[in-house]
C-alpha atoms as a PDB file:
ATOM      1  CA  MET A   1      97.206  73.521  14.555  1.00  0.00           C
ATOM      2  CA  MET A   2      96.284  70.170  12.450  1.00  0.00           C
ATOM      3  CA  ASN A   3      99.461  71.455  10.362  1.00  0.00           C
ATOM      4  CA  GLN A   4     101.832  70.850  12.816  1.00  0.00           C
ATOM      5  CA  MET A   5     101.210  67.365  12.761  1.00  0.00           C
ATOM      6  CA  ARG A   6     102.039  67.052   9.081  1.00  0.00           C
ATOM      7  CA  GLY A   7     104.680  64.861   8.281  1.00  0.00           C
ATOM      8  CA  ARG A   8     104.989  63.110  11.437  1.00  0.00           C
ATOM      9  CA  ASN A   9     104.302  60.002  12.998  1.00  0.00           C
ATOM     10  CA  LEU A  10     101.896  59.884  15.948  1.00  0.00           C
ATOM     11  CA  LYS A  11     102.737  56.685  17.823  1.00  0.00           C
ATOM     12  CA  HIS A  12     105.216  58.323  20.352  1.00  0.00           C
ATOM     13  CA  LEU A  13     102.213  60.819  21.126  1.00  0.00           C
ATOM     14  CA  GLY A  14      99.661  57.982  21.317  1.00  0.00           C
ATOM     15  CA  CYS A  15     101.456  56.245  23.733  1.00  0.00           C
ATOM     16  CA  LEU A  16     102.095  59.060  26.329  1.00  0.00           C
ATOM     17  CA  THR A  17      98.744  59.712  26.038  1.00  0.00           C
ATOM     18  CA  GLY A  18      97.867  55.673  27.031  1.00  0.00           C
ATOM     19  CA  LEU A  19     100.607  55.965  29.905  1.00  0.00           C
ATOM     20  CA  THR A  20      98.685  59.270  31.072  1.00  0.00           C
ATOM     21  CA  ILE A  21      95.366  57.732  30.986  1.00  0.00           C
ATOM     22  CA  GLY A  22      96.680  54.556  31.881  1.00  0.00           C
ATOM     23  CA  THR A  23      97.848  55.342  34.843  1.00  0.00           C
ATOM     24  CA  ILE A  24      95.184  57.541  36.291  1.00  0.00           C
ATOM     25  CA  VAL A  25      92.295  55.432  35.557  1.00  0.00           C
ATOM     26  CA  GLY A  26      94.184  52.594  37.085  1.00  0.00           C
ATOM     27  CA  ILE A  27      95.460  54.348  40.114  1.00  0.00           C
ATOM     28  CA  ILE A  28      91.877  55.260  40.760  1.00  0.00           C
ATOM     29  CA  ILE A  29      90.301  51.464  40.044  1.00  0.00           C
ATOM     30  CA  ALA A  30      93.344  49.875  42.289  1.00  0.00           C
ATOM     31  CA  GLY A  31      92.466  51.827  45.210  1.00  0.00           C
ATOM     32  CA  VAL A  32      88.880  51.367  44.658  1.00  0.00           C
ATOM     33  CA  LEU A  33      89.089  47.532  44.414  1.00  0.00           C
ATOM     34  CA  ALA A  34      92.112  47.816  47.412  1.00  0.00           C
ATOM     35  CA  GLY A  35      89.613  49.851  49.720  1.00  0.00           C
ATOM     36  CA  ALA A  36      86.252  48.867  48.716  1.00  0.00           C
ATOM     37  CA  PHE A  37      86.749  45.060  48.001  1.00  0.00           C
ATOM     38  CA  LEU A  38      89.384  44.597  49.866  1.00  0.00           C
ATOM     39  CA  VAL A  39      91.826  42.750  47.316  1.00  0.00           C
ATOM     40  CA  ASN A  40      95.155  41.929  48.295  1.00  0.00           C
ATOM     41  CA  TYR A  41      97.622  45.052  47.730  1.00  0.00           C
ATOM     42  CA  GLN A  42      99.611  43.313  45.766  1.00  0.00           C
ATOM     43  CA  ILE A  43      96.962  41.979  43.302  1.00  0.00           C
ATOM     44  CA  ALA A  44      96.081  45.569  43.062  1.00  0.00           C
ATOM     45  CA  SER A  45      99.246  46.847  41.959  1.00  0.00           C
ATOM     46  CA  LEU A  46      99.419  44.445  39.386  1.00  0.00           C
ATOM     47  CA  PHE A  47      96.328  45.012  38.083  1.00  0.00           C
ATOM     48  CA  TRP A  48      97.530  48.984  37.698  1.00  0.00           C
ATOM     49  CA  LEU A  49     100.531  48.012  36.066  1.00  0.00           C
ATOM     50  CA  ILE A  50      98.978  45.751  33.268  1.00  0.00           C
ATOM     51  CA  LEU A  51      96.186  48.529  32.882  1.00  0.00           C
ATOM     52  CA  THR A  52      98.496  51.300  32.096  1.00  0.00           C
ATOM     53  CA  LEU A  53     100.500  48.840  29.932  1.00  0.00           C
ATOM     54  CA  ILE A  54      97.772  47.907  27.610  1.00  0.00           C
ATOM     55  CA  CYS A  55      96.949  51.553  27.572  1.00  0.00           C
ATOM     56  CA  ALA A  56     100.204  52.736  26.265  1.00  0.00           C
ATOM     57  CA  VAL A  57     100.150  49.632  23.548  1.00  0.00           C
ATOM     58  CA  VAL A  58      96.635  50.921  22.554  1.00  0.00           C
ATOM     59  CA  GLY A  59      98.091  54.499  22.341  1.00  0.00           C
ATOM     60  CA  TRP A  60     100.631  53.455  20.288  1.00  0.00           C
ATOM     61  CA  ILE A  61      98.819  51.066  17.679  1.00  0.00           C
ATOM     62  CA  ILE A  62      95.932  53.699  17.464  1.00  0.00           C
ATOM     63  CA  GLY A  63      98.873  56.835  16.962  1.00  0.00           C
ATOM     64  CA  ASP A  64     100.214  54.309  14.275  1.00  0.00           C
ATOM     65  CA  ARG A  65      96.966  53.842  12.621  1.00  0.00           C
ATOM     66  CA  ILE A  66      96.065  57.401  12.225  1.00  0.00           C
ATOM     67  CA  SER A  67      99.387  58.502  11.249  1.00  0.00           C
ATOM     68  CA  PRO A  68      98.486  58.113   7.447  1.00  0.00           C
ATOM     69  CA  ARG A  69      95.905  60.539   7.690  1.00  0.00           C
ATOM     70  CA  PHE A  70      98.523  63.553   8.455  1.00  0.00           C
ATOM     71  CA  ALA A  71     100.960  62.489   5.819  1.00  0.00           C
ATOM     72  CA  GLN A  72     102.850  65.490   4.484  1.00  0.00           C
ATOM     73  CA  SER A  73     101.461  67.702   1.722  1.00  0.00           C
ATOM     74  CA  GLN A  74     103.080  67.673  -1.270  1.00  0.00           C
ATOM     75  CA  LYS A  75     104.624  71.633  -2.234  1.00  0.00           C
ATOM     76  CA  PRO A  76     104.462  72.305  -5.504  1.00  0.00           C
ATOM     77  CA  GLU A  77     108.097  72.527  -7.150  1.00  0.00           C
ATOM     78  CA  GLU A  78     109.300  75.942  -8.146  1.00  0.00           C
ATOM     79  CA  THR A  79     110.328  76.428 -11.437  1.00  0.00           C
ATOM     80  CA  SER A  80     113.923  78.143 -12.495  1.00  0.00           C
ATOM     81  CA  SER A  81     112.102  80.997 -14.008  1.00  0.00           C
ATOM     82  CA  ASP A  82     109.937  81.616 -11.099  1.00  0.00           C
ATOM     83  CA  SER A  83     112.969  81.658  -8.381  1.00  0.00           C
ATOM     84  CA  ALA A  84     114.663  84.143 -10.916  1.00  0.00           C
ATOM     85  CA  GLU A  85     112.103  86.538 -11.216  1.00  0.00           C
ATOM     86  CA  ASP A  86     111.770  86.553  -7.288  1.00  0.00           C
ATOM     87  CA  ALA A  87     115.632  87.598  -6.986  1.00  0.00           C
ATOM     88  CA  ALA A  88     114.858  89.906  -9.210  1.00  0.00           C
ATOM     89  CA  GLN A  89     111.950  91.482  -7.670  1.00  0.00           C
ATOM     90  CA  GLN A  90     113.925  91.556  -4.341  1.00  0.00           C
ATOM     91  CA  ALA A  91     116.808  93.219  -5.359  1.00  0.00           C
END
């Protein structure tokens, strides 16, 4: 599975993860704020939006930082004699 990430930029994956986590956690916290502490609906919604956007940006930054760890590995180049031998064996 890790080989599938090689050579890819993980910013978008990190942003998607951050949006998902921010949305779920933000809705829960905004609901608790509105229900238990009687915070105004507009303030709770604003808190949810800010939390979601912050998590998305943090996910984008983390994905950008870990992308170099999954750099595409260099494949050794085949020489022309190796490919000619392979073609002869297949025929």
